[in-house]
């Protein structure tokens, strides 16, 4: 976990990201679903939201 995002990654996720107003009709691939699940598995849970509290 010692790696940081470069400027392009920060732009993609935080600075230039915009919500979609429409959805695509094409299905999501199994590898794509696996990648999203792997990212969500590391997301904070209710117990980790305020660790300094």
PDB file of N, CA and C in Angstrom:
ATOM      1  N   UNK A   1       0.807  -1.197   0.000  1.00  0.00           N
ATOM      2  CA  UNK A   1       0.000   0.000   0.000  1.00  0.00           C
ATOM      3  C   UNK A   1       0.851   1.261   0.000  1.00  0.00           C
ATOM      4  N   UNK A   2       2.123   1.158  -0.256  1.00  0.00           N
ATOM      5  CA  UNK A   2       2.973   2.318  -0.247  1.00  0.00           C
ATOM      6  C   UNK A   2       2.992   3.086  -1.563  1.00  0.00           C
ATOM      7  N   UNK A   3       2.239   2.628  -2.562  1.00  0.00           N
ATOM      8  CA  UNK A   3       2.240   3.299  -3.848  1.00  0.00           C
ATOM      9  C   UNK A   3       1.230   4.436  -3.866  1.00  0.00           C
ATOM     10  N   UNK A   4       1.523   5.484  -4.637  1.00  0.00           N
ATOM     11  CA  UNK A   4       0.587   6.586  -4.797  1.00  0.00           C
ATOM     12  C   UNK A   4       0.232   6.730  -6.267  1.00  0.00           C
ATOM     13  N   UNK A   5      -0.894   7.373  -6.519  1.00  0.00           N
ATOM     14  CA  UNK A   5      -1.317   7.609  -7.890  1.00  0.00           C
ATOM     15  C   UNK A   5      -0.535   8.758  -8.504  1.00  0.00           C
ATOM     16  N   UNK A   6      -0.285   8.642  -9.790  1.00  0.00           N
ATOM     17  CA  UNK A   6       0.329   9.765 -10.486  1.00  0.00           C
ATOM     18  C   UNK A   6      -0.750  10.805 -10.796  1.00  0.00           C
ATOM     19  N   UNK A   7      -0.363  11.908 -11.392  1.00  0.00           N
ATOM     20  CA  UNK A   7      -1.310  13.000 -11.656  1.00  0.00           C
ATOM     21  C   UNK A   7      -2.441  12.558 -12.586  1.00  0.00           C
ATOM     22  N   UNK A   8      -2.132  11.721 -13.563  1.00  0.00           N
ATOM     23  CA  UNK A   8      -3.167  11.229 -14.472  1.00  0.00           C
ATOM     24  C   UNK A   8      -4.210  10.391 -13.756  1.00  0.00           C
ATOM     25  N   UNK A   9      -3.769   9.559 -12.827  1.00  0.00           N
ATOM     26  CA  UNK A   9      -4.698   8.743 -12.046  1.00  0.00           C
ATOM     27  C   UNK A   9      -5.565   9.577 -11.126  1.00  0.00           C
ATOM     28  N   UNK A  10      -4.972  10.576 -10.492  1.00  0.00           N
ATOM     29  CA  UNK A  10      -5.751  11.467  -9.633  1.00  0.00           C
ATOM     30  C   UNK A  10      -6.787  12.241 -10.442  1.00  0.00           C
ATOM     31  N   UNK A  11      -6.406  12.696 -11.642  1.00  0.00           N
ATOM     32  CA  UNK A  11      -7.359  13.388 -12.509  1.00  0.00           C
ATOM     33  C   UNK A  11      -8.517  12.469 -12.890  1.00  0.00           C
ATOM     34  N   UNK A  12      -8.198  11.250 -13.266  1.00  0.00           N
ATOM     35  CA  UNK A  12      -9.216  10.308 -13.711  1.00  0.00           C
ATOM     36  C   UNK A  12     -10.227   9.991 -12.617  1.00  0.00           C
ATOM     37  N   UNK A  13      -9.750   9.811 -11.399  1.00  0.00           N
ATOM     38  CA  UNK A  13     -10.641   9.389 -10.311  1.00  0.00           C
ATOM     39  C   UNK A  13     -11.310  10.557  -9.608  1.00  0.00           C
ATOM     40  N   UNK A  14     -10.575  11.615  -9.332  1.00  0.00           N
ATOM     41  CA  UNK A  14     -11.099  12.675  -8.474  1.00  0.00           C
ATOM     42  C   UNK A  14     -11.386  13.996  -9.185  1.00  0.00           C
ATOM     43  N   UNK A  15     -10.453  14.478  -9.962  1.00  0.00           N
ATOM     44  CA  UNK A  15     -10.574  15.842 -10.491  1.00  0.00           C
ATOM     45  C   UNK A  15     -11.471  15.948 -11.713  1.00  0.00           C
ATOM     46  N   UNK A  16     -11.395  15.001 -12.625  1.00  0.00           N
ATOM     47  CA  UNK A  16     -12.153  15.091 -13.874  1.00  0.00           C
ATOM     48  C   UNK A  16     -13.317  14.106 -13.928  1.00  0.00           C
ATOM     49  N   UNK A  17     -13.526  13.350 -12.882  1.00  0.00           N
ATOM     50  CA  UNK A  17     -14.597  12.351 -12.881  1.00  0.00           C
ATOM     51  C   UNK A  17     -15.960  13.027 -12.822  1.00  0.00           C
ATOM     52  N   UNK A  18     -16.858  12.547 -13.638  1.00  0.00           N
ATOM     53  CA  UNK A  18     -18.216  13.068 -13.656  1.00  0.00           C
ATOM     54  C   UNK A  18     -19.189  11.896 -13.695  1.00  0.00           C
ATOM     55  N   UNK A  19     -20.333  12.012 -13.050  1.00  0.00           N
ATOM     56  CA  UNK A  19     -21.298  10.909 -13.100  1.00  0.00           C
ATOM     57  C   UNK A  19     -21.909  10.787 -14.498  1.00  0.00           C
ATOM     58  N   UNK A  20     -22.268   9.611 -14.836  1.00  0.00           N
ATOM     59  CA  UNK A  20     -22.906   9.359 -16.131  1.00  0.00           C
ATOM     60  C   UNK A  20     -24.390   9.710 -16.035  1.00  0.00           C
ATOM     61  N   UNK A  21     -24.907  10.293 -17.079  1.00  0.00           N
ATOM     62  CA  UNK A  21     -26.332  10.598 -17.140  1.00  0.00           C
ATOM     63  C   UNK A  21     -27.100   9.530 -17.903  1.00  0.00           C
ATOM     64  N   UNK A  22     -26.411   8.577 -18.456  1.00  0.00           N
ATOM     65  CA  UNK A  22     -27.036   7.498 -19.200  1.00  0.00           C
ATOM     66  C   UNK A  22     -26.231   6.230 -18.963  1.00  0.00           C
ATOM     67  N   UNK A  23     -26.838   5.124 -19.248  1.00  0.00           N
ATOM     68  CA  UNK A  23     -26.112   3.870 -19.088  1.00  0.00           C
ATOM     69  C   UNK A  23     -25.940   3.202 -20.433  1.00  0.00           C
ATOM     70  N   UNK A  24     -24.996   2.334 -20.510  1.00  0.00           N
ATOM     71  CA  UNK A  24     -24.724   1.602 -21.745  1.00  0.00           C
ATOM     72  C   UNK A  24     -25.538   0.318 -21.755  1.00  0.00           C
ATOM     73  N   UNK A  25     -25.866  -0.125 -22.914  1.00  0.00           N
ATOM     74  CA  UNK A  25     -26.645  -1.358 -23.060  1.00  0.00           C
ATOM     75  C   UNK A  25     -25.765  -2.602 -23.132  1.00  0.00           C
ATOM     76  N   UNK A  26     -24.458  -2.428 -23.322  1.00  0.00           N
ATOM     77  CA  UNK A  26     -23.581  -3.593 -23.419  1.00  0.00           C
ATOM     78  C   UNK A  26     -23.308  -4.169 -22.033  1.00  0.00           C
ATOM     79  N   UNK A  27     -23.228  -5.486 -21.933  1.00  0.00           N
ATOM     80  CA  UNK A  27     -22.999  -6.113 -20.628  1.00  0.00           C
ATOM     81  C   UNK A  27     -21.573  -5.872 -20.127  1.00  0.00           C
ATOM     82  N   UNK A  28     -21.411  -5.950 -18.838  1.00  0.00           N
ATOM     83  CA  UNK A  28     -20.090  -5.828 -18.212  1.00  0.00           C
ATOM     84  C   UNK A  28     -19.436  -7.204 -18.246  1.00  0.00           C
ATOM     85  N   UNK A  29     -18.175  -7.249 -18.607  1.00  0.00           N
ATOM     86  CA  UNK A  29     -17.468  -8.529 -18.704  1.00  0.00           C
ATOM     87  C   UNK A  29     -17.178  -9.098 -17.319  1.00  0.00           C
ATOM     88  N   UNK A  30     -16.949 -10.393 -17.266  1.00  0.00           N
ATOM     89  CA  UNK A  30     -16.602 -11.026 -15.994  1.00  0.00           C
ATOM     90  C   UNK A  30     -15.306 -10.469 -15.404  1.00  0.00           C
ATOM     91  N   UNK A  31     -14.260 -10.256 -16.207  1.00  0.00           N
ATOM     92  CA  UNK A  31     -13.061  -9.633 -15.629  1.00  0.00           C
ATOM     93  C   UNK A  31     -13.329  -8.219 -15.104  1.00  0.00           C
ATOM     94  N   UNK A  32     -14.198  -7.476 -15.788  1.00  0.00           N
ATOM     95  CA  UNK A  32     -14.560  -6.136 -15.316  1.00  0.00           C
ATOM     96  C   UNK A  32     -15.278  -6.183 -13.980  1.00  0.00           C
ATOM     97  N   UNK A  33     -16.214  -7.124 -13.838  1.00  0.00           N
ATOM     98  CA  UNK A  33     -16.912  -7.284 -12.560  1.00  0.00           C
ATOM     99  C   UNK A  33     -15.943  -7.699 -11.456  1.00  0.00           C
ATOM    100  N   UNK A  34     -15.009  -8.578 -11.794  1.00  0.00           N
ATOM    101  CA  UNK A  34     -14.015  -9.008 -10.811  1.00  0.00           C
ATOM    102  C   UNK A  34     -13.143  -7.850 -10.341  1.00  0.00           C
ATOM    103  N   UNK A  35     -12.777  -6.955 -11.272  1.00  0.00           N
ATOM    104  CA  UNK A  35     -11.957  -5.799 -10.913  1.00  0.00           C
ATOM    105  C   UNK A  35     -12.723  -4.850  -9.997  1.00  0.00           C
ATOM    106  N   UNK A  36     -14.001  -4.619 -10.292  1.00  0.00           N
ATOM    107  CA  UNK A  36     -14.817  -3.754  -9.431  1.00  0.00           C
ATOM    108  C   UNK A  36     -14.982  -4.386  -8.052  1.00  0.00           C
ATOM    109  N   UNK A  37     -15.234  -5.678  -7.999  1.00  0.00           N
ATOM    110  CA  UNK A  37     -15.386  -6.358  -6.711  1.00  0.00           C
ATOM    111  C   UNK A  37     -14.105  -6.274  -5.893  1.00  0.00           C
ATOM    112  N   UNK A  38     -12.948  -6.443  -6.545  1.00  0.00           N
ATOM    113  CA  UNK A  38     -11.672  -6.370  -5.829  1.00  0.00           C
ATOM    114  C   UNK A  38     -11.459  -4.980  -5.231  1.00  0.00           C
ATOM    115  N   UNK A  39     -11.858  -3.924  -5.948  1.00  0.00           N
ATOM    116  CA  UNK A  39     -11.731  -2.568  -5.411  1.00  0.00           C
ATOM    117  C   UNK A  39     -12.704  -2.335  -4.261  1.00  0.00           C
ATOM    118  N   UNK A  40     -13.934  -2.831  -4.403  1.00  0.00           N
ATOM    119  CA  UNK A  40     -14.936  -2.627  -3.354  1.00  0.00           C
ATOM    120  C   UNK A  40     -14.600  -3.401  -2.086  1.00  0.00           C
ATOM    121  N   UNK A  41     -13.893  -4.501  -2.224  1.00  0.00           N
ATOM    122  CA  UNK A  41     -13.535  -5.307  -1.058  1.00  0.00           C
ATOM    123  C   UNK A  41     -12.591  -4.546  -0.121  1.00  0.00           C
ATOM    124  N   UNK A  42     -11.863  -3.560  -0.658  1.00  0.00           N
ATOM    125  CA  UNK A  42     -10.930  -2.788   0.160  1.00  0.00           C
ATOM    126  C   UNK A  42     -11.509  -1.469   0.642  1.00  0.00           C
ATOM    127  N   UNK A  43     -12.760  -1.214   0.320  1.00  0.00           N
ATOM    128  CA  UNK A  43     -13.386   0.049   0.725  1.00  0.00           C
ATOM    129  C   UNK A  43     -13.604   0.077   2.235  1.00  0.00           C
ATOM    130  N   UNK A  44     -13.679   1.259   2.825  1.00  0.00           N
ATOM    131  CA  UNK A  44     -13.901   1.325   4.270  1.00  0.00           C
ATOM    132  C   UNK A  44     -15.271   0.782   4.656  1.00  0.00           C
ATOM    133  N   UNK A  45     -15.324   0.169   5.781  1.00  0.00           N
ATOM    134  CA  UNK A  45     -16.596  -0.319   6.321  1.00  0.00           C
ATOM    135  C   UNK A  45     -17.072   0.678   7.378  1.00  0.00           C
ATOM    136  N   UNK A  46     -18.198   0.427   7.968  1.00  0.00           N
ATOM    137  CA  UNK A  46     -18.721   1.313   9.000  1.00  0.00           C
ATOM    138  C   UNK A  46     -17.757   1.450  10.171  1.00  0.00           C
ATOM    139  N   UNK A  47     -17.042   0.400  10.490  1.00  0.00           N
ATOM    140  CA  UNK A  47     -16.118   0.431  11.621  1.00  0.00           C
ATOM    141  C   UNK A  47     -14.846   1.216  11.294  1.00  0.00           C
ATOM    142  N   UNK A  48     -14.520   1.356   9.996  1.00  0.00           N
ATOM    143  CA  UNK A  48     -13.273   2.024   9.617  1.00  0.00           C
ATOM    144  C   UNK A  48     -13.482   3.463   9.150  1.00  0.00           C
ATOM    145  N   UNK A  49     -14.703   3.955   9.174  1.00  0.00           N
ATOM    146  CA  UNK A  49     -14.965   5.301   8.630  1.00  0.00           C
ATOM    147  C   UNK A  49     -14.359   6.406   9.490  1.00  0.00           C
ATOM    148  N   UNK A  50     -14.333   6.253  10.781  1.00  0.00           N
ATOM    149  CA  UNK A  50     -13.793   7.279  11.673  1.00  0.00           C
ATOM    150  C   UNK A  50     -12.813   6.645  12.660  1.00  0.00           C
ATOM    151  N   UNK A  51     -11.647   6.218  12.169  1.00  0.00           N
ATOM    152  CA  UNK A  51     -10.733   5.499  13.058  1.00  0.00           C
ATOM    153  C   UNK A  51     -10.158   6.354  14.183  1.00  0.00           C
ATOM    154  N   UNK A  52     -10.143   7.676  14.032  1.00  0.00           N
ATOM    155  CA  UNK A  52      -9.580   8.530  15.077  1.00  0.00           C
ATOM    156  C   UNK A  52     -10.597   8.867  16.160  1.00  0.00           C
ATOM    157  N   UNK A  53     -11.788   8.430  16.000  1.00  0.00           N
ATOM    158  CA  UNK A  53     -12.849   8.753  16.947  1.00  0.00           C
ATOM    159  C   UNK A  53     -12.751   8.023  18.242  1.00  0.00           C
TER     160      UNK A  53
END
